[in-house]
Protein backbone atom coordinates (compact mmCIF):
# COMPACT_ATOMS: atom_id res chain seq x y z
CA UNK A 1 96.04 67.06 54.55
CA UNK A 2 95.07 70.63 55.39
CA UNK A 3 96.82 72.83 57.93
CA UNK A 4 93.74 72.56 60.18
CA UNK A 5 93.97 68.75 60.12
CA UNK A 6 97.70 68.92 60.85
CA UNK A 7 97.05 71.19 63.86
CA UNK A 8 94.34 68.84 65.06
CA UNK A 9 96.78 65.91 64.90
CA UNK A 10 99.43 68.00 66.66
CA UNK A 11 97.13 68.75 69.62
CA UNK A 12 96.09 65.09 69.72
CA UNK A 13 99.75 64.11 69.92
CA UNK A 14 100.25 66.58 72.80
CA UNK A 15 97.32 65.06 74.71
CA UNK A 16 98.65 61.55 74.15
CA UNK A 17 101.95 62.33 75.93
CA UNK A 18 101.01 65.09 78.36
CA UNK A 19 104.05 64.84 80.66
CA UNK A 20 106.56 64.65 77.82
CA UNK A 21 104.86 67.55 76.03
CA UNK A 22 104.95 69.69 79.21
CA UNK A 23 108.62 68.91 79.83
CA UNK A 24 109.35 69.81 76.20
CA UNK A 25 107.52 73.12 76.62
CA UNK A 26 109.22 73.89 79.93
CA UNK A 27 112.30 75.45 78.34
CA UNK A 28 110.12 77.71 76.19
CA UNK A 29 107.89 78.61 79.17
CA UNK A 30 110.87 79.55 81.35
CA UNK A 31 112.55 81.47 78.53
CA UNK A 32 109.51 83.54 77.55
CA UNK A 33 108.55 84.21 81.18
CA UNK A 34 112.11 85.31 81.98
CA UNK A 35 112.32 87.64 78.99
CA UNK A 36 109.00 89.32 79.78
CA UNK A 37 109.70 89.54 83.54
CA UNK A 38 113.22 91.00 83.25
CA UNK A 39 112.50 93.37 80.37
CA UNK A 40 109.25 94.58 81.98
CA UNK A 41 110.93 95.20 85.34
CA UNK A 42 113.74 97.08 83.62
CA UNK A 43 111.23 99.29 81.82
CA UNK A 44 109.24 99.72 85.04
CA UNK A 45 112.27 100.97 86.97
CA UNK A 46 113.10 103.35 84.11
CA UNK A 47 109.53 104.70 84.09
CA UNK A 48 109.61 105.21 87.86
CA UNK A 49 112.90 107.12 87.76
CA UNK A 50 111.71 109.22 84.81
CA UNK A 51 108.54 110.02 86.75
CA UNK A 52 110.49 111.06 89.86
CA UNK A 53 112.95 113.15 87.87
CA UNK A 54 110.09 114.58 85.83
CA UNK A 55 108.42 115.82 89.02
CA UNK A 56 111.54 117.88 89.73
CA UNK A 57 111.65 119.06 86.14
CA UNK A 58 114.36 119.06 83.50
CA UNK A 59 115.19 122.69 84.32
CA UNK A 60 116.67 121.99 87.77
CA UNK A 61 120.42 122.40 88.28
CA UNK A 62 122.21 121.17 91.40
CA UNK A 63 125.39 122.94 92.51
CA UNK A 64 127.53 121.05 95.03
CA UNK A 65 130.52 122.41 96.94
CA UNK A 66 132.85 119.39 97.22
CA UNK A 67 135.96 121.25 98.36
CA UNK A 68 137.75 120.02 101.49
CA UNK A 69 139.49 123.36 101.82
CA UNK A 70 137.89 125.25 104.75
CA UNK A 71 138.50 128.52 102.88
CA UNK A 72 136.32 127.41 99.94
CA UNK A 73 133.05 128.36 101.56
CA UNK A 74 129.86 129.39 99.82
CA UNK A 75 127.72 131.55 102.07
CA UNK A 76 123.98 132.06 101.77
CA UNK A 77 124.56 135.54 100.30
CA UNK A 78 127.06 134.11 97.77
CA UNK A 79 124.49 131.52 96.67
CA UNK A 80 121.67 134.06 96.31
CA UNK A 81 123.82 136.11 93.90
CA UNK A 82 123.14 133.38 91.31
CA UNK A 83 119.60 134.79 91.18
CA UNK A 84 120.83 137.58 88.85
CA UNK A 85 122.02 135.14 86.16
CA UNK A 86 119.93 135.44 82.99
CA UNK A 87 117.40 132.60 82.77
CA UNK A 88 117.39 131.73 86.49
CA UNK A 89 113.95 131.49 88.08
CA UNK A 90 114.84 130.60 91.69
CA UNK A 91 117.80 129.73 93.92
CA UNK A 92 117.44 127.46 96.93
CA UNK A 93 120.53 126.92 99.10
CA UNK A 94 120.46 123.91 101.40
CA UNK A 95 122.25 123.42 104.74
CA UNK A 96 121.62 120.07 106.41
CA UNK A 97 122.48 118.15 109.55
CA UNK A 98 121.11 115.65 112.09
CA UNK A 99 119.14 116.93 115.09
CA UNK A 100 117.09 115.48 117.91
CA UNK A 101 113.40 116.37 117.53
CA UNK A 102 111.15 116.09 120.58
CA UNK A 103 107.49 116.66 121.45
CA UNK A 104 106.26 115.75 124.91
CA UNK A 105 107.77 112.31 125.51
CA UNK A 106 108.28 111.45 121.84
CA UNK A 107 111.79 111.91 120.42
CA UNK A 108 113.25 111.21 117.00
CA UNK A 109 116.63 111.71 115.36
CA UNK A 110 115.91 113.41 112.02
CA UNK A 111 117.59 115.32 109.23
CA UNK A 112 117.00 119.06 109.37
CA UNK A 113 117.15 121.11 106.17
CA UNK A 114 117.92 124.80 106.41
CA UNK A 115 116.70 126.58 103.28
CA UNK A 116 114.57 129.43 101.94
CA UNK A 117 111.04 130.00 100.69
CA UNK A 118 111.94 129.06 97.08
CA UNK A 119 112.87 125.51 98.03
CA UNK A 120 109.28 124.25 97.89
CA UNK A 121 108.86 125.07 94.19
CA UNK A 122 112.32 123.84 93.20
CA UNK A 123 111.84 120.44 94.88
CA UNK A 124 108.11 120.13 94.00
CA UNK A 125 106.94 119.74 97.61
CA UNK A 126 103.19 119.77 98.31
CA UNK A 127 101.60 120.75 101.64
CA UNK A 128 99.12 118.64 103.57
CA UNK A 129 98.47 121.31 106.23
CA UNK A 130 99.62 124.83 107.00
CA UNK A 131 102.23 126.68 104.95
CA UNK A 132 105.85 126.51 103.86
CA UNK A 133 108.61 128.94 104.85
CA UNK A 134 108.02 132.60 104.01
CA UNK A 135 110.54 135.31 103.02
CA UNK A 136 110.06 136.98 106.42
CA UNK A 137 110.97 133.71 108.15
CA UNK A 138 114.22 133.61 106.17
CA UNK A 139 115.07 137.27 106.68
CA UNK A 140 114.78 137.15 110.46
CA UNK A 141 115.76 133.50 110.94
CA UNK A 142 112.56 132.79 112.82
CA UNK A 143 112.15 129.56 114.73
CA UNK A 144 109.48 127.95 112.56
CA UNK A 145 109.48 124.45 111.10
CA UNK A 146 107.77 122.48 108.35
CA UNK A 147 107.57 118.74 109.08
CA UNK A 148 107.74 115.81 106.71
CA UNK A 149 104.74 113.46 107.10
CA UNK A 150 106.78 110.67 108.73
CA UNK A 151 108.18 113.06 111.34
CA UNK A 152 104.72 114.48 112.05
CA UNK A 153 103.29 110.98 112.45
CA UNK A 154 106.08 109.78 114.76
CA UNK A 155 105.95 112.84 117.03
CA UNK A 156 102.26 113.78 116.97
CA UNK A 157 100.45 110.60 115.91
CA UNK A 158 97.13 111.42 114.26
CA UNK A 159 96.96 114.94 115.69
CA UNK A 160 97.49 118.03 113.53
CA UNK A 161 100.88 119.46 114.57
CA UNK A 162 100.37 122.89 112.96
CA UNK A 163 100.58 125.51 115.70
CA UNK A 164 102.31 123.17 118.14
CA UNK A 165 105.90 123.56 119.35
CA UNK A 166 108.58 120.97 118.62
CA UNK A 167 112.03 121.07 120.19
CA UNK A 168 115.05 120.70 117.91
CA UNK A 169 118.21 120.04 119.91
CA UNK A 170 116.35 121.55 122.84
CA UNK A 171 115.32 124.75 121.06
CA UNK A 172 111.59 125.48 120.59
CA UNK A 173 110.31 125.74 117.00
CA UNK A 174 106.72 126.47 116.04
CA UNK A 175 105.29 124.03 113.47
CA UNK A 176 103.76 126.01 110.60
CA UNK A 177 103.21 123.26 108.04
CA UNK A 178 103.20 119.55 107.19
CA UNK A 179 104.17 118.16 103.78
CA UNK A 180 102.23 115.61 101.78
CA UNK A 181 103.70 112.13 101.61
CA UNK A 182 106.00 111.81 98.61
CA UNK A 183 108.03 108.65 99.19
CA UNK A 184 111.66 107.93 98.44
CA UNK A 185 113.32 109.15 95.27
CA UNK A 186 116.80 109.46 93.77
CA UNK A 187 117.11 112.85 95.50
CA UNK A 188 116.24 111.36 98.90
CA UNK A 189 112.98 111.40 100.84
CA UNK A 190 111.44 114.58 102.19
CA UNK A 191 109.01 112.54 104.31
CA UNK A 192 111.53 112.06 107.13
CA UNK A 193 112.94 115.61 107.23
CA UNK A 194 112.28 118.93 108.95
CA UNK A 195 112.62 122.24 107.10
CA UNK A 196 113.62 125.45 108.89
CA UNK A 197 114.90 128.87 107.76
CA UNK A 198 118.54 128.69 106.71
CA UNK A 199 119.62 131.42 109.15
CA UNK A 200 118.17 129.41 112.04
CA UNK A 201 119.90 126.27 110.72
CA UNK A 202 123.24 128.10 110.62
CA UNK A 203 122.91 128.99 114.31
CA UNK A 204 121.75 125.52 115.29
CA UNK A 205 124.39 123.60 113.30
CA UNK A 206 127.08 126.26 113.84
CA UNK A 207 127.92 126.16 110.13
CA UNK A 208 127.60 128.85 107.48
CA UNK A 209 129.03 126.84 104.55
CA UNK A 210 126.32 125.97 102.02
CA UNK A 211 127.15 122.63 100.41
CA UNK A 212 124.15 122.24 98.08
CA UNK A 213 122.32 124.81 95.97
CA UNK A 214 119.30 124.13 93.76
CA UNK A 215 119.04 126.50 90.80
CA UNK A 216 115.78 126.42 88.84
CA UNK A 217 115.81 127.92 85.36
CA UNK A 218 112.87 129.57 83.63
CA UNK A 219 112.83 126.85 80.96
CA UNK A 220 114.78 123.79 79.86
CA UNK A 221 116.13 125.74 76.87
CA UNK A 222 118.34 127.97 79.02
CA UNK A 223 119.82 125.20 81.20
CA UNK A 224 123.08 124.91 79.22
CA UNK A 225 123.98 128.63 79.25
CA UNK A 226 123.09 128.87 82.96
CA UNK A 227 125.30 125.85 83.71
CA UNK A 228 128.17 127.51 81.82
CA UNK A 229 127.75 130.76 83.78
CA UNK A 230 127.59 128.90 87.10
CA UNK A 231 130.75 126.93 86.33
CA UNK A 232 132.54 130.12 85.34
CA UNK A 233 131.53 131.91 88.55
CA UNK A 234 132.41 128.94 90.76
CA UNK A 235 135.79 128.56 89.09
CA UNK A 236 136.63 132.22 89.78
CA UNK A 237 135.20 132.06 93.30
CA UNK A 238 137.08 128.90 94.29
CA UNK A 239 140.38 130.08 92.77
CA UNK A 240 140.15 133.36 94.63
CA UNK A 241 139.73 131.47 97.91
CA UNK A 242 142.27 128.77 97.13
CA UNK A 243 144.83 128.02 99.82
CA UNK A 244 147.87 126.24 98.38
CA UNK A 245 148.70 124.71 101.74
CA UNK A 246 145.45 122.75 101.82
CA UNK A 247 144.43 122.55 98.16
CA UNK A 248 142.94 119.33 96.74
CA UNK A 249 143.67 117.57 93.49
CA UNK A 250 140.04 116.73 92.62
CA UNK A 251 137.23 119.11 91.58
CA UNK A 252 136.09 121.61 94.18
CA UNK A 253 132.54 121.83 92.89
CA UNK A 254 130.03 120.01 90.74
CA UNK A 255 127.29 121.48 88.60
CA UNK A 256 124.78 118.74 87.85
CA UNK A 257 122.24 119.07 85.08
CA UNK A 258 119.09 117.10 85.91
CA UNK A 259 118.47 116.18 82.27
CA UNK A 260 122.01 114.85 81.86
CA UNK A 261 121.50 112.58 84.87
CA UNK A 262 118.25 111.33 83.40
CA UNK A 263 119.79 110.71 79.96
CA UNK A 264 122.74 108.86 81.49
CA UNK A 265 120.44 106.72 83.63
CA UNK A 266 118.21 105.89 80.67
CA UNK A 267 121.23 104.84 78.60
CA UNK A 268 122.53 102.56 81.38
CA UNK A 269 119.04 101.21 82.13
CA UNK A 270 118.30 100.40 78.47
CA UNK A 271 121.66 98.66 78.10
CA UNK A 272 121.11 96.55 81.23
CA UNK A 273 117.53 95.72 80.21
CA UNK A 274 118.69 94.60 76.77
CA UNK A 275 121.51 92.53 78.28
CA UNK A 276 119.15 90.87 80.79
CA UNK A 277 116.63 90.15 78.04
CA UNK A 278 119.36 88.62 75.86
CA UNK A 279 120.57 86.42 78.73
CA UNK A 280 117.01 85.27 79.40
CA UNK A 281 116.55 84.56 75.68
CA UNK A 282 119.33 81.96 75.90
CA UNK A 283 116.93 79.71 77.78
CA UNK A 284 114.60 79.98 74.77
CA UNK A 285 117.34 78.56 72.57
CA UNK A 286 117.86 75.77 75.11
CA UNK A 287 114.12 75.15 75.00
CA UNK A 288 114.28 74.99 71.20
CA UNK A 289 117.00 72.36 71.40
CA UNK A 290 114.74 70.38 73.72
CA UNK A 291 111.91 70.60 71.16
CA UNK A 292 114.20 69.38 68.38
CA UNK A 293 115.40 66.49 70.53
CA UNK A 294 111.87 65.34 71.42
CA UNK A 295 110.66 65.73 67.84
CA UNK A 296 113.55 63.57 66.58
CA UNK A 297 112.54 60.94 69.13
CA UNK A 298 108.94 61.29 67.96
CA UNK A 299 109.99 60.70 64.34
CA UNK A 300 111.80 57.51 65.38
CA UNK A 301 108.78 56.28 67.36
CA UNK A 302 106.35 57.02 64.52
CA UNK A 303 108.42 55.63 61.66
CA UNK A 304 105.81 52.97 60.84
CA UNK A 305 103.01 55.57 60.86
CA UNK A 306 105.01 57.70 58.40
CA UNK A 307 105.59 54.64 56.19
CA UNK A 308 101.89 53.78 56.09
CA UNK A 309 100.92 57.36 55.24
CA UNK A 310 103.46 57.51 52.44
CA UNK A 311 102.34 54.12 51.10
CA UNK A 312 98.79 55.48 50.98
CA UNK A 313 99.93 58.46 48.89
CA UNK A 314 100.95 61.12 51.41
CA UNK A 315 103.39 63.52 49.81
CA UNK A 316 106.71 64.62 51.28
CA UNK A 317 105.31 68.11 51.78
CA UNK A 318 102.39 66.81 53.88
CA UNK A 319 104.71 64.83 56.21
CA UNK A 320 107.06 67.82 56.49
CA UNK A 321 104.14 70.12 57.30
CA UNK A 322 102.70 67.76 59.91
CA UNK A 323 105.86 67.49 62.01
CA UNK A 324 106.72 71.16 61.56
CA UNK A 325 103.27 72.18 62.79
CA UNK A 326 103.63 69.85 65.79
CA UNK A 327 106.91 71.58 66.67
CA UNK A 328 105.36 75.04 66.25
CA UNK A 329 102.31 74.11 68.34
CA UNK A 330 104.54 72.94 71.22
CA UNK A 331 106.55 76.16 71.02
CA UNK A 332 103.53 78.47 70.70
CA UNK A 333 101.58 76.83 73.54
CA UNK A 334 104.70 77.06 75.72
CA UNK A 335 105.11 80.70 74.66
CA UNK A 336 101.52 81.59 75.61
CA UNK A 337 101.93 79.96 79.04
CA UNK A 338 105.25 81.79 79.47
CA UNK A 339 103.63 85.12 78.53
CA UNK A 340 100.91 84.62 81.14
CA UNK A 341 103.43 83.68 83.86
CA UNK A 342 105.88 86.47 82.95
CA UNK A 343 103.23 89.20 82.72
CA UNK A 344 101.62 88.07 85.99
CA UNK A 345 105.01 87.99 87.73
CA UNK A 346 105.90 91.49 86.49
CA UNK A 347 102.51 92.85 87.59
CA UNK A 348 102.80 91.28 91.06
CA UNK A 349 106.41 92.45 91.56
CA UNK A 350 105.53 95.95 90.36
CA UNK A 351 102.62 96.10 92.79
CA UNK A 352 104.75 94.92 95.74
CA UNK A 353 107.69 97.21 94.89
CA UNK A 354 105.33 100.13 94.12
CA UNK A 355 106.75 100.69 90.64
CA UNK A 356 105.12 100.47 87.17
CA UNK A 357 105.00 96.90 85.87
CA UNK A 358 106.56 98.02 82.58
CA UNK A 359 104.63 95.42 80.55
CA UNK A 360 104.26 96.55 76.95
CA UNK A 361 102.55 95.07 73.91
CA UNK A 362 105.88 95.18 72.08
CA UNK A 363 107.56 92.93 74.67
CA UNK A 364 104.71 90.41 74.54
CA UNK A 365 104.61 90.38 70.73
CA UNK A 366 108.41 89.99 70.54
CA UNK A 367 108.36 87.08 73.02
CA UNK A 368 105.54 85.35 71.16
CA UNK A 369 107.21 85.85 67.77
CA UNK A 370 110.53 84.61 69.16
CA UNK A 371 108.94 81.43 70.53
CA UNK A 372 107.21 80.89 67.16
CA UNK A 373 110.55 81.24 65.35
CA UNK A 374 112.14 78.80 67.78
CA UNK A 375 109.45 76.24 66.93
CA UNK A 376 110.01 76.69 63.19
CA UNK A 377 113.84 76.71 63.31
CA UNK A 378 114.24 73.73 65.62
CA UNK A 379 111.36 71.82 64.04
CA UNK A 380 112.79 71.87 60.51
CA UNK A 381 115.40 69.15 61.08
CA UNK A 382 113.00 66.55 62.60
CA UNK A 383 110.30 67.38 60.05
CA UNK A 384 112.78 67.06 57.18
CA UNK A 385 114.00 63.75 58.54
CA UNK A 386 110.44 62.44 58.68
CA UNK A 387 109.65 63.68 55.17
CA UNK A 388 112.74 62.01 53.65
CA UNK A 389 111.92 58.52 54.97
CA UNK A 390 111.36 55.96 52.19
CA UNK A 391 108.04 54.09 52.58
CA UNK A 392 109.66 50.62 52.27
CA UNK A 393 112.31 51.43 54.90
CA UNK A 394 109.70 52.90 57.24
CA UNK A 395 107.35 49.91 56.92
CA UNK A 396 110.00 47.30 57.71
CA UNK A 397 111.44 49.24 60.67
CA UNK A 398 109.28 47.20 63.10
């Protein structure tokens, strides 16, 4: 009997017992679908985060003042001194707080960001209308504002707010620009924020302590030496201002390298994706056990058929091949159905969650190959049992 004939008999056997064949495949279907869905979603999340972090660039350094000591302040002038460090392209201090924004009868509680003109490039912000903050706005602390798209929509509807006046905590600010919609990211969303000159923010929030500073280097190659210089300066600066009566035990500042965050996230994400895929693969093993169980039952039910075939001259190899192919066909058909369900599920979830589906040819090939191996491994025992039956014993079993 040829392999083609064996496959033909295998499909005929599947059609004969449709419900039992489907239930046998179910474990394989669930296992393959789970592996593809979980691994694809893990890869999709990783791609989305890499994309968001890539927009900011691998040459962005974030300096955070975490000191609780009121004497450990970093002023705007202190922050701008980092501009003279070799390799630094721009410095963007950030002072933030919650304010009440109002236009006519529309009001909204929003986050206001006080910063400078270099902030737009460091945070990769694009404009929909108007302009961003200018150096002259920063120098004189002018009452101008750039709105995030969500703020502009909530306060002005479909109208263009550029040139209009919005009140922030009761103070009038002229709208000079509106940002393009960017969506949420690991660094927060700029869509629901208002940007004003840092000097104006200091007066409004009655705070001159800069807590966050974005330092953009000229290239990714100089990030490490710039980080070292920043840490050295901050260490000296904080120690000079240290007050023993109110000192803290933890670190007073953090210098965060964007690339290090990305590398750490990718390591964690890959580990979790692998772990989830391995857990899902357990159901494939369970499905394989189900195949072996049903095939053993099939051997018992078809003992007389095996006896007749052997009496007519069928060799042990032909019987072994027939039952092994039946096992593989069940596993492969279940694997194909699982691939379709898993890939469809990942695509739908990715579309709803607005992230890449993460489906790769490698994941599909691995799942298919794994289901094929399951069919071979768990089909060997039933096939071997069928092949070892003696014709005389098989014929008198009924």
